[in-house]
């Protein structure tokens, strides 16, 4: 019986240690490559945040992605999808449309309109504040409150 208990405890400790070492997987639909022709598939469903850079090694790009990955829950709550393009030679349709010069962050609303363009990394807190000021987001917040009040 002591051997069995020892094995069970050792297994629990090993499982806990493995779970702590394994990084949480980010949602598969949150970070995507910007390899589509346009953003029509996201219209009225998601708020695309486009992150452009001339290389995946660009320090501003790395900083921006770290900022975004640090607070994914807030992005998911606001229906954000992050689209990245780090290859200017590929001349993707979105790159040609947005015409970034080096690093650029673009926030697109659910209506498909460009709401914000920044030539430097932006914290998720700043991005979510901009989103929360949008009329459609204000409507979503009101609807969430009404639904919570009727429960």
Protein backbone atom coordinates (compact mmCIF):
# COMPACT_ATOMS: atom_id res chain seq x y z
CA UNK A 1 0.00 0.00 0.00
CA UNK A 2 2.86 2.39 0.81
CA UNK A 3 4.38 1.74 -2.63
CA UNK A 4 1.09 2.54 -4.34
CA UNK A 5 0.70 5.79 -2.40
CA UNK A 6 4.30 6.73 -3.20
CA UNK A 7 3.70 6.12 -6.92
CA UNK A 8 0.46 8.12 -6.88
CA UNK A 9 2.10 11.07 -5.12
CA UNK A 10 5.12 10.95 -7.43
CA UNK A 11 2.79 10.92 -10.43
CA UNK A 12 0.88 13.93 -9.13
CA UNK A 13 4.07 15.87 -8.50
CA UNK A 14 5.39 15.04 -11.98
CA UNK A 15 2.10 16.03 -13.63
CA UNK A 16 1.99 19.32 -11.72
CA UNK A 17 5.58 20.13 -12.64
CA UNK A 18 4.91 19.33 -16.31
CA UNK A 19 1.79 21.48 -16.35
CA UNK A 20 3.73 24.42 -14.89
CA UNK A 21 6.53 24.09 -17.46
CA UNK A 22 4.21 23.78 -20.46
CA UNK A 23 3.25 27.26 -21.65
CA UNK A 24 -0.42 27.87 -22.21
CA UNK A 25 -1.32 27.56 -25.85
CA UNK A 26 -2.74 30.73 -27.29
CA UNK A 27 -6.10 30.45 -29.03
CA UNK A 28 -5.62 29.19 -32.60
CA UNK A 29 -7.90 31.89 -33.94
CA UNK A 30 -6.31 34.86 -32.17
CA UNK A 31 -2.95 35.08 -33.99
CA UNK A 32 -3.01 34.46 -37.74
CA UNK A 33 -0.81 35.33 -40.72
CA UNK A 34 -2.10 38.26 -42.81
CA UNK A 35 -2.14 36.21 -46.00
CA UNK A 36 -5.73 36.90 -47.11
CA UNK A 37 -6.76 39.18 -49.96
CA UNK A 38 -8.98 41.36 -47.79
CA UNK A 39 -10.60 41.51 -44.38
CA UNK A 40 -14.16 40.74 -45.52
CA UNK A 41 -14.24 37.41 -43.64
CA UNK A 42 -13.95 39.35 -40.37
CA UNK A 43 -16.53 42.07 -41.13
CA UNK A 44 -19.15 42.34 -38.37
CA UNK A 45 -17.51 39.38 -36.54
CA UNK A 46 -13.99 40.39 -35.46
CA UNK A 47 -11.81 43.45 -34.95
CA UNK A 48 -8.55 42.82 -36.86
CA UNK A 49 -5.32 44.20 -35.44
CA UNK A 50 -2.72 44.11 -38.19
CA UNK A 51 0.94 44.08 -37.22
CA UNK A 52 3.39 44.79 -40.03
CA UNK A 53 7.18 44.68 -39.91
CA UNK A 54 10.01 44.23 -42.39
CA UNK A 55 11.29 41.17 -40.51
CA UNK A 56 10.19 38.86 -37.69
CA UNK A 57 13.41 39.98 -35.96
CA UNK A 58 12.33 43.64 -35.89
CA UNK A 59 12.59 44.72 -32.21
CA UNK A 60 9.34 46.71 -32.43
CA UNK A 61 7.53 43.70 -33.89
CA UNK A 62 8.89 41.43 -31.15
CA UNK A 63 7.86 43.94 -28.46
CA UNK A 64 4.37 44.32 -29.96
CA UNK A 65 3.78 40.57 -30.11
CA UNK A 66 4.96 40.17 -26.51
CA UNK A 67 2.55 42.91 -25.43
CA UNK A 68 -0.34 41.25 -27.27
CA UNK A 69 0.42 37.75 -25.99
CA UNK A 70 0.65 38.98 -22.40
CA UNK A 71 -3.03 39.99 -22.31
CA UNK A 72 -4.88 37.73 -24.74
CA UNK A 73 -8.00 37.46 -22.56
CA UNK A 74 -8.77 41.14 -23.07
CA UNK A 75 -8.36 40.79 -26.82
CA UNK A 76 -10.62 37.72 -26.98
CA UNK A 77 -13.25 39.56 -24.91
CA UNK A 78 -13.33 42.30 -27.56
CA UNK A 79 -13.43 39.92 -30.57
CA UNK A 80 -9.92 40.83 -31.71
CA UNK A 81 -7.94 38.79 -34.22
CA UNK A 82 -4.24 39.63 -34.68
CA UNK A 83 -2.93 39.37 -38.24
CA UNK A 84 0.81 39.56 -38.81
CA UNK A 85 2.91 40.25 -41.91
CA UNK A 86 6.70 40.33 -41.60
CA UNK A 87 7.64 39.75 -45.26
CA UNK A 88 7.58 42.90 -47.39
CA UNK A 89 8.96 40.96 -50.38
CA UNK A 90 5.81 38.81 -50.51
CA UNK A 91 3.78 41.96 -51.28
CA UNK A 92 0.60 40.61 -49.71
CA UNK A 93 -2.73 42.18 -50.64
CA UNK A 94 -3.14 43.63 -47.13
CA UNK A 95 0.39 45.07 -47.18
CA UNK A 96 -0.32 46.73 -50.51
CA UNK A 97 -3.62 48.08 -49.19
CA UNK A 98 -2.23 49.42 -45.87
CA UNK A 99 1.18 50.49 -47.25
CA UNK A 100 3.23 50.23 -44.05
CA UNK A 101 6.74 51.64 -43.84
CA UNK A 102 8.67 49.41 -41.50
CA UNK A 103 6.74 48.60 -38.34
CA UNK A 104 3.06 49.51 -38.23
CA UNK A 105 0.05 48.55 -36.12
CA UNK A 106 -3.44 49.00 -37.59
CA UNK A 107 -6.70 48.57 -35.69
CA UNK A 108 -9.67 47.81 -37.95
CA UNK A 109 -13.23 47.99 -36.67
CA UNK A 110 -15.91 45.36 -37.15
CA UNK A 111 -17.32 47.59 -39.89
CA UNK A 112 -14.06 47.19 -41.84
CA UNK A 113 -12.87 50.77 -41.36
CA UNK A 114 -9.35 51.66 -40.23
CA UNK A 115 -9.71 53.07 -36.73
CA UNK A 116 -6.09 53.51 -35.68
CA UNK A 117 -2.59 53.44 -37.21
CA UNK A 118 0.53 53.54 -35.08
CA UNK A 119 4.19 53.43 -36.20
CA UNK A 120 5.29 52.04 -32.83
CA UNK A 121 4.18 49.26 -30.45
CA UNK A 122 1.04 49.84 -28.41
CA UNK A 123 0.09 48.20 -25.14
CA UNK A 124 -3.08 46.08 -25.01
CA UNK A 125 -4.49 48.50 -22.45
CA UNK A 126 -4.24 51.35 -24.98
CA UNK A 127 -5.70 49.20 -27.76
CA UNK A 128 -8.63 48.05 -25.64
CA UNK A 129 -9.36 51.62 -24.52
CA UNK A 130 -9.57 52.65 -28.18
CA UNK A 131 -11.86 49.71 -28.91
CA UNK A 132 -14.05 50.45 -25.90
CA UNK A 133 -14.68 53.99 -27.21
CA UNK A 134 -16.07 52.68 -30.52
CA UNK A 135 -19.86 52.92 -30.94
CA UNK A 136 -20.24 49.23 -31.79
CA UNK A 137 -18.29 48.22 -28.67
CA UNK A 138 -20.42 50.58 -26.56
CA UNK A 139 -23.49 48.77 -27.90
CA UNK A 140 -21.92 45.39 -27.07
CA UNK A 141 -21.19 46.56 -23.51
CA UNK A 142 -24.79 47.79 -23.07
CA UNK A 143 -26.16 44.47 -24.38
CA UNK A 144 -23.89 42.52 -22.01
CA UNK A 145 -25.16 44.59 -19.07
CA UNK A 146 -28.80 44.09 -20.10
CA UNK A 147 -28.29 40.35 -20.48
CA UNK A 148 -26.63 40.17 -17.07
CA UNK A 149 -29.48 42.14 -15.48
CA UNK A 150 -32.17 39.81 -16.92
CA UNK A 151 -30.53 36.66 -15.56
